[in-house]
Amino acid sequence: MARLLIVDNDARIVELYALYLTRRGHDVRTAGSFREARAALAALAAERPELLLSDLELGVESGREELPRLWSEGLLPPTLVVSGFVDLELEALFARLPAVVGILRKPFDFERLDTSVSVALREAERRGPDIEAARALVLAARANAPAPAATLADDDGWIEILPPGGGA
């Protein structure tokens, strides 16, 4: 079926999801933190997960910051956010991340998990070319990033790269 990476800091939940999804035919890997997920995503470049299932609150790490960071690093695969704490602000944030292909709200049963994974995989396949094009732009922008001393200004809706010292 599909290569999945589950990110959650609750070992019992991860074991349960992994067991169920493996029995459904998926190749499942797990990470207990975003740090572990980042390392796995970097190491799995040739076998990139087709879907990341990510909880949001992992103790000291939060998906609110880490998912956009993974995207900006060019590492975020198509992602199903799995959380009981998604509000309108988070929905808006995730709507701006091309790789987020769905949200599964906790609590849920296995049937809903199975359905949500299937729907997210179909959506990832449908949006794949757009996600990859956006990822290519992110990686190109990172490759051409200004020197660290430069700053970005966004006071009028346009982003401007300012030289060191902030001159205009």
Protein backbone atom coordinates (compact mmCIF):
# COMPACT_ATOMS: atom_id res chain seq x y z
CA MET A 1 0.00 0.00 0.00
CA ALA A 2 1.81 3.19 1.16
CA ARG A 3 4.89 4.28 3.07
CA LEU A 4 3.80 6.11 6.23
CA LEU A 5 5.66 7.97 8.97
CA ILE A 6 3.81 8.47 12.26
CA VAL A 7 5.00 11.29 14.54
CA ASP A 8 3.65 11.21 18.10
CA ASN A 9 5.30 11.30 21.51
CA ASP A 10 2.87 8.83 23.08
CA ALA A 11 4.54 5.44 22.56
CA ARG A 12 1.29 3.55 23.21
CA ILE A 13 -0.57 5.53 20.54
CA VAL A 14 2.28 5.12 18.06
CA GLU A 15 2.40 1.36 18.66
CA LEU A 16 -1.35 1.06 18.24
CA TYR A 17 -1.51 3.14 15.03
CA ALA A 18 1.54 1.39 13.60
CA LEU A 19 0.18 -2.09 14.32
CA TYR A 20 -3.21 -1.28 12.83
CA LEU A 21 -1.84 0.45 9.73
CA THR A 22 0.75 -2.29 9.17
CA ARG A 23 -2.02 -4.87 9.27
CA ARG A 24 -3.83 -2.78 6.66
CA GLY A 25 -0.81 -3.31 4.39
CA HIS A 26 1.13 -0.07 4.91
CA ASP A 27 4.89 0.17 5.45
CA VAL A 28 4.97 2.13 8.73
CA ARG A 29 7.85 3.94 10.38
CA THR A 30 7.58 5.97 13.54
CA ALA A 31 9.16 8.95 15.27
CA GLY A 32 8.60 10.09 18.85
CA SER A 33 9.54 13.72 18.15
CA PHE A 34 9.89 16.19 15.32
CA ARG A 35 13.67 15.95 15.77
CA GLU A 36 13.46 12.20 15.08
CA ALA A 37 11.05 12.82 12.18
CA ARG A 38 13.44 15.36 10.65
CA ALA A 39 16.31 12.86 10.82
CA ALA A 40 14.13 10.09 9.36
CA LEU A 41 12.88 12.32 6.53
CA ALA A 42 16.43 13.38 5.65
CA ALA A 43 17.64 9.76 5.75
CA LEU A 44 14.68 8.39 3.76
CA ALA A 45 15.11 10.62 0.72
CA ALA A 46 14.98 7.64 -1.66
CA GLU A 47 12.03 6.07 0.19
CA ARG A 48 10.25 9.26 1.13
CA PRO A 49 7.04 8.60 3.07
CA GLU A 50 3.94 8.99 0.98
CA LEU A 51 2.13 10.31 4.04
CA LEU A 52 3.17 11.74 7.38
CA LEU A 53 0.64 11.35 10.21
CA SER A 54 1.54 14.01 12.73
CA ASP A 55 0.25 14.84 16.16
CA LEU A 56 0.71 18.52 17.04
CA GLU A 57 1.67 18.69 20.70
CA LEU A 58 4.75 16.59 21.41
CA GLY A 59 5.81 17.90 24.79
CA VAL A 60 8.39 20.62 24.17
CA GLU A 61 7.83 20.49 20.41
CA SER A 62 4.76 21.79 18.63
CA GLY A 63 3.54 21.05 15.15
CA ARG A 64 2.42 24.66 15.00
CA GLU A 65 6.10 25.59 14.56
CA GLU A 66 7.64 22.33 13.38
CA LEU A 67 5.42 21.49 10.39
CA PRO A 68 6.02 24.90 8.72
CA ARG A 69 9.74 24.54 9.57
CA LEU A 70 9.88 21.08 7.96
CA TRP A 71 8.14 22.57 4.90
CA SER A 72 10.63 25.45 4.69
CA GLU A 73 13.46 22.88 4.84
CA GLY A 74 11.91 20.98 1.92
CA LEU A 75 11.36 17.90 4.11
CA LEU A 76 7.60 17.83 4.74
CA PRO A 77 5.87 15.07 2.75
CA PRO A 78 2.10 15.06 2.27
CA THR A 79 0.78 15.30 5.83
CA LEU A 80 -2.32 14.27 7.72
CA VAL A 81 -2.50 16.30 10.93
CA VAL A 82 -3.85 14.12 13.75
CA SER A 83 -4.87 16.16 16.78
CA GLY A 84 -7.63 17.00 19.20
CA PHE A 85 -6.49 20.63 19.35
CA VAL A 86 -7.14 22.07 15.89
CA ASP A 87 -8.86 25.44 15.94
CA LEU A 88 -9.63 27.92 13.14
CA GLU A 89 -6.22 29.58 13.48
CA LEU A 90 -4.44 26.24 12.99
CA GLU A 91 -6.72 25.32 10.10
CA ALA A 92 -5.71 28.60 8.42
CA LEU A 93 -2.02 27.91 9.09
CA PHE A 94 -2.24 24.42 7.64
CA ALA A 95 -4.22 25.65 4.63
CA ARG A 96 -1.11 27.69 3.72
CA LEU A 97 1.12 24.59 3.81
CA PRO A 98 0.77 22.82 0.45
CA ALA A 99 1.84 19.49 1.97
CA VAL A 100 -0.99 19.34 4.53
CA VAL A 101 -3.61 17.19 2.81
CA GLY A 102 -5.99 16.61 5.70
CA ILE A 103 -6.84 16.89 9.38
CA LEU A 104 -8.03 14.01 11.54
CA ARG A 105 -9.47 15.18 14.83
CA LYS A 106 -9.05 13.08 17.95
CA PRO A 107 -10.71 11.05 19.29
CA PHE A 108 -11.43 8.68 16.42
CA ASP A 109 -11.94 4.99 15.81
CA PHE A 110 -9.90 2.73 13.54
CA GLU A 111 -12.45 2.91 10.74
CA ARG A 112 -12.10 6.70 10.68
CA LEU A 113 -8.29 6.40 10.81
CA ASP A 114 -8.37 4.01 7.85
CA THR A 115 -10.73 6.27 5.88
CA SER A 116 -8.73 9.42 6.68
CA VAL A 117 -5.44 7.81 5.61
CA SER A 118 -7.02 6.62 2.34
CA VAL A 119 -8.53 10.04 1.62
CA ALA A 120 -5.25 11.81 2.48
CA LEU A 121 -3.27 9.48 0.22
CA ARG A 122 -5.67 10.15 -2.67
CA GLU A 123 -5.46 13.89 -2.03
CA ALA A 124 -1.66 13.69 -1.89
CA GLU A 125 -1.63 11.88 -5.23
CA ARG A 126 -4.04 14.40 -6.77
CA ARG A 127 -2.03 17.39 -5.50
CA GLY A 128 1.37 15.73 -5.94
CA PRO A 129 2.60 17.82 -8.89
CA ASP A 130 1.54 21.05 -7.15
CA ILE A 131 3.17 20.00 -3.87
CA GLU A 132 6.40 19.07 -5.64
CA ALA A 133 6.42 22.32 -7.63
CA ALA A 134 5.96 24.32 -4.42
CA ARG A 135 8.68 22.25 -2.72
CA ALA A 136 11.04 22.95 -5.63
CA LEU A 137 10.41 26.68 -5.20
CA VAL A 138 11.13 26.43 -1.47
CA LEU A 139 14.37 24.55 -2.10
CA ALA A 140 15.42 26.98 -4.83
CA ALA A 141 14.72 29.91 -2.52
CA ARG A 142 16.79 28.24 0.21
CA ALA A 143 19.65 27.67 -2.24
CA ASN A 144 19.57 31.34 -3.26
CA ALA A 145 18.95 32.66 0.26
CA PRO A 146 20.65 35.93 1.14
CA ALA A 147 23.64 35.93 3.45
CA PRO A 148 22.63 35.64 7.11
CA ALA A 149 23.43 39.31 7.72
CA ALA A 150 20.68 40.38 5.30
CA THR A 151 17.18 40.94 6.64
CA LEU A 152 13.68 40.69 5.22
CA ALA A 153 11.24 43.56 5.48
CA ASP A 154 7.50 43.19 5.00
CA ASP A 155 5.81 46.43 6.00
CA ASP A 156 3.67 46.94 2.90
CA GLY A 157 2.78 43.42 1.80
CA TRP A 158 5.91 43.08 -0.36
CA ILE A 159 8.93 41.20 0.93
CA GLU A 160 12.14 43.08 0.37
CA ILE A 161 15.64 41.82 1.00
CA LEU A 162 17.63 44.50 2.75
CA PRO A 163 21.43 44.56 2.84
CA PRO A 164 23.25 44.43 6.18
CA GLY A 165 22.47 47.58 8.13
CA GLY A 166 18.89 47.67 6.78
CA GLY A 167 19.45 50.30 4.06
CA ALA A 168 16.80 50.72 1.40
